Amino acid sequence: MDYDENKVDEMVLALLWLTNTGDGRAWKGHDWNALDRLHAKGYILDPKSKAKSVVLTEEGERLSQELFKQHFTPPASNQEPNSQSPSNR
């Protein structure tokens, strides 16, 4: 099946915010090809390790939070995004 890899990458990056541990790491239970593309784009460090998490770059963490808010918060919400990931609340 053909699909838009950029849209998948955007969703994976947004979901990395959901599993962000608060120290720049997020669980890497996502498609390996998408993680490799996010690494190539400079949003995460190399995902090929024995660790169960990936390290988001500063830009990756910022964009991850922005995309999470864009795709997963109610449109009528005027609240500022929490500086912590949802998993740390």
C-alpha atoms as a PDB file:
ATOM      1  CA  MET A   1       0.000   0.000   0.000  1.00  0.00           C
ATOM      2  CA  ASP A   2       1.258   3.456  -0.865  1.00  0.00           C
ATOM      3  CA  TYR A   3       1.185   6.088   1.856  1.00  0.00           C
ATOM      4  CA  ASP A   4       2.548   9.540   2.567  1.00  0.00           C
ATOM      5  CA  GLU A   5       5.736   8.942   4.564  1.00  0.00           C
ATOM      6  CA  ASN A   6       5.874  12.589   5.682  1.00  0.00           C
ATOM      7  CA  LYS A   7       2.423  12.311   7.266  1.00  0.00           C
ATOM      8  CA  VAL A   8       3.424   9.096   9.014  1.00  0.00           C
ATOM      9  CA  ASP A   9       6.611  10.752  10.267  1.00  0.00           C
ATOM     10  CA  GLU A  10       4.576  13.679  11.567  1.00  0.00           C
ATOM     11  CA  MET A  11       2.229  11.365  13.480  1.00  0.00           C
ATOM     12  CA  VAL A  12       5.105   9.308  14.904  1.00  0.00           C
ATOM     13  CA  LEU A  13       6.864  12.476  16.041  1.00  0.00           C
ATOM     14  CA  ALA A  14       3.624  13.712  17.654  1.00  0.00           C
ATOM     15  CA  LEU A  15       3.195  10.369  19.426  1.00  0.00           C
ATOM     16  CA  LEU A  16       6.768  10.536  20.711  1.00  0.00           C
ATOM     17  CA  TRP A  17       5.565  13.501  22.786  1.00  0.00           C
ATOM     18  CA  LEU A  18       2.948  11.226  24.355  1.00  0.00           C
ATOM     19  CA  THR A  19       5.662   8.866  25.599  1.00  0.00           C
ATOM     20  CA  ASN A  20       8.218  11.579  26.400  1.00  0.00           C
ATOM     21  CA  THR A  21       9.794  10.804  29.752  1.00  0.00           C
ATOM     22  CA  GLY A  22      10.587  14.450  30.487  1.00  0.00           C
ATOM     23  CA  ASP A  23      14.331  14.095  29.977  1.00  0.00           C
ATOM     24  CA  GLY A  24      14.330  14.230  26.189  1.00  0.00           C
ATOM     25  CA  ARG A  25      13.732  10.504  25.798  1.00  0.00           C
ATOM     26  CA  ALA A  26      10.653   8.765  24.402  1.00  0.00           C
ATOM     27  CA  TRP A  27       9.714   5.132  23.975  1.00  0.00           C
ATOM     28  CA  LYS A  28      10.584   3.905  20.517  1.00  0.00           C
ATOM     29  CA  GLY A  29       7.777   1.430  19.888  1.00  0.00           C
ATOM     30  CA  HIS A  30       7.116   2.797  16.413  1.00  0.00           C
ATOM     31  CA  ASP A  31       7.862   1.751  12.851  1.00  0.00           C
ATOM     32  CA  TRP A  32      11.630   1.452  12.351  1.00  0.00           C
ATOM     33  CA  ASN A  33      11.522   3.057   8.912  1.00  0.00           C
ATOM     34  CA  ALA A  34       9.740   6.098  10.359  1.00  0.00           C
ATOM     35  CA  LEU A  35      12.277   6.327  13.193  1.00  0.00           C
ATOM     36  CA  ASP A  36      15.122   6.131  10.682  1.00  0.00           C
ATOM     37  CA  ARG A  37      13.556   8.975   8.671  1.00  0.00           C
ATOM     38  CA  LEU A  38      13.107  11.088  11.832  1.00  0.00           C
ATOM     39  CA  HIS A  39      16.783  10.491  12.599  1.00  0.00           C
ATOM     40  CA  ALA A  40      17.755  11.520   9.051  1.00  0.00           C
ATOM     41  CA  LYS A  41      15.689  14.707   9.482  1.00  0.00           C
ATOM     42  CA  GLY A  42      17.543  15.506  12.723  1.00  0.00           C
ATOM     43  CA  TYR A  43      14.586  15.113  15.121  1.00  0.00           C
ATOM     44  CA  ILE A  44      15.933  12.132  17.073  1.00  0.00           C
ATOM     45  CA  LEU A  45      19.347  10.624  17.705  1.00  0.00           C
ATOM     46  CA  ASP A  46      20.166   7.297  16.061  1.00  0.00           C
ATOM     47  CA  PRO A  47      17.420   4.861  17.117  1.00  0.00           C
ATOM     48  CA  LYS A  48      19.604   1.798  16.485  1.00  0.00           C
ATOM     49  CA  SER A  49      20.564   0.799  19.996  1.00  0.00           C
ATOM     50  CA  LYS A  50      19.543  -1.688  22.649  1.00  0.00           C
ATOM     51  CA  ALA A  51      17.772   1.089  24.573  1.00  0.00           C
ATOM     52  CA  LYS A  52      13.988   0.962  24.563  1.00  0.00           C
ATOM     53  CA  SER A  53      13.813   4.704  24.058  1.00  0.00           C
ATOM     54  CA  VAL A  54      15.112   7.311  21.630  1.00  0.00           C
ATOM     55  CA  VAL A  55      16.577  10.707  22.394  1.00  0.00           C
ATOM     56  CA  LEU A  56      14.781  13.666  20.861  1.00  0.00           C
ATOM     57  CA  THR A  57      16.912  16.559  19.675  1.00  0.00           C
ATOM     58  CA  GLU A  58      15.982  20.031  20.916  1.00  0.00           C
ATOM     59  CA  GLU A  59      14.196  20.720  17.621  1.00  0.00           C
ATOM     60  CA  GLY A  60      12.568  17.273  17.700  1.00  0.00           C
ATOM     61  CA  GLU A  61      11.218  17.813  21.192  1.00  0.00           C
ATOM     62  CA  ARG A  62       9.830  21.248  20.277  1.00  0.00           C
ATOM     63  CA  LEU A  63       8.192  19.987  17.090  1.00  0.00           C
ATOM     64  CA  SER A  64       6.924  16.840  18.815  1.00  0.00           C
ATOM     65  CA  GLN A  65       5.038  18.937  21.378  1.00  0.00           C
ATOM     66  CA  GLU A  66       3.708  21.276  18.681  1.00  0.00           C
ATOM     67  CA  LEU A  67       2.459  18.393  16.523  1.00  0.00           C
ATOM     68  CA  PHE A  68       0.890  16.645  19.510  1.00  0.00           C
ATOM     69  CA  LYS A  69      -1.064  19.787  20.353  1.00  0.00           C
ATOM     70  CA  GLN A  70      -2.056  20.291  16.702  1.00  0.00           C
ATOM     71  CA  HIS A  71      -3.337  16.764  16.179  1.00  0.00           C
ATOM     72  CA  PHE A  72      -4.533  15.567  19.567  1.00  0.00           C
ATOM     73  CA  THR A  73      -5.975  18.482  21.530  1.00  0.00           C
ATOM     74  CA  PRO A  74      -9.500  19.833  21.058  1.00  0.00           C
ATOM     75  CA  PRO A  75      -9.645  22.643  18.462  1.00  0.00           C
ATOM     76  CA  ALA A  76     -11.547  24.941  20.829  1.00  0.00           C
ATOM     77  CA  SER A  77      -8.844  24.648  23.483  1.00  0.00           C
ATOM     78  CA  ASN A  78      -7.185  27.997  24.168  1.00  0.00           C
ATOM     79  CA  GLN A  79      -4.919  26.566  26.824  1.00  0.00           C
ATOM     80  CA  GLU A  80      -1.173  26.835  26.517  1.00  0.00           C
ATOM     81  CA  PRO A  81       0.452  23.435  26.015  1.00  0.00           C
ATOM     82  CA  ASN A  82       1.807  21.909  29.173  1.00  0.00           C
ATOM     83  CA  SER A  83       5.598  21.984  29.157  1.00  0.00           C
ATOM     84  CA  GLN A  84       5.535  18.393  30.322  1.00  0.00           C
ATOM     85  CA  SER A  85       4.543  15.504  28.152  1.00  0.00           C
ATOM     86  CA  PRO A  86       1.162  13.876  28.856  1.00  0.00           C
ATOM     87  CA  SER A  87       2.878  10.859  30.406  1.00  0.00           C
ATOM     88  CA  ASN A  88       4.393  13.082  33.141  1.00  0.00           C
ATOM     89  CA  ARG A  89       1.116  14.511  34.406  1.00  0.00           C
END
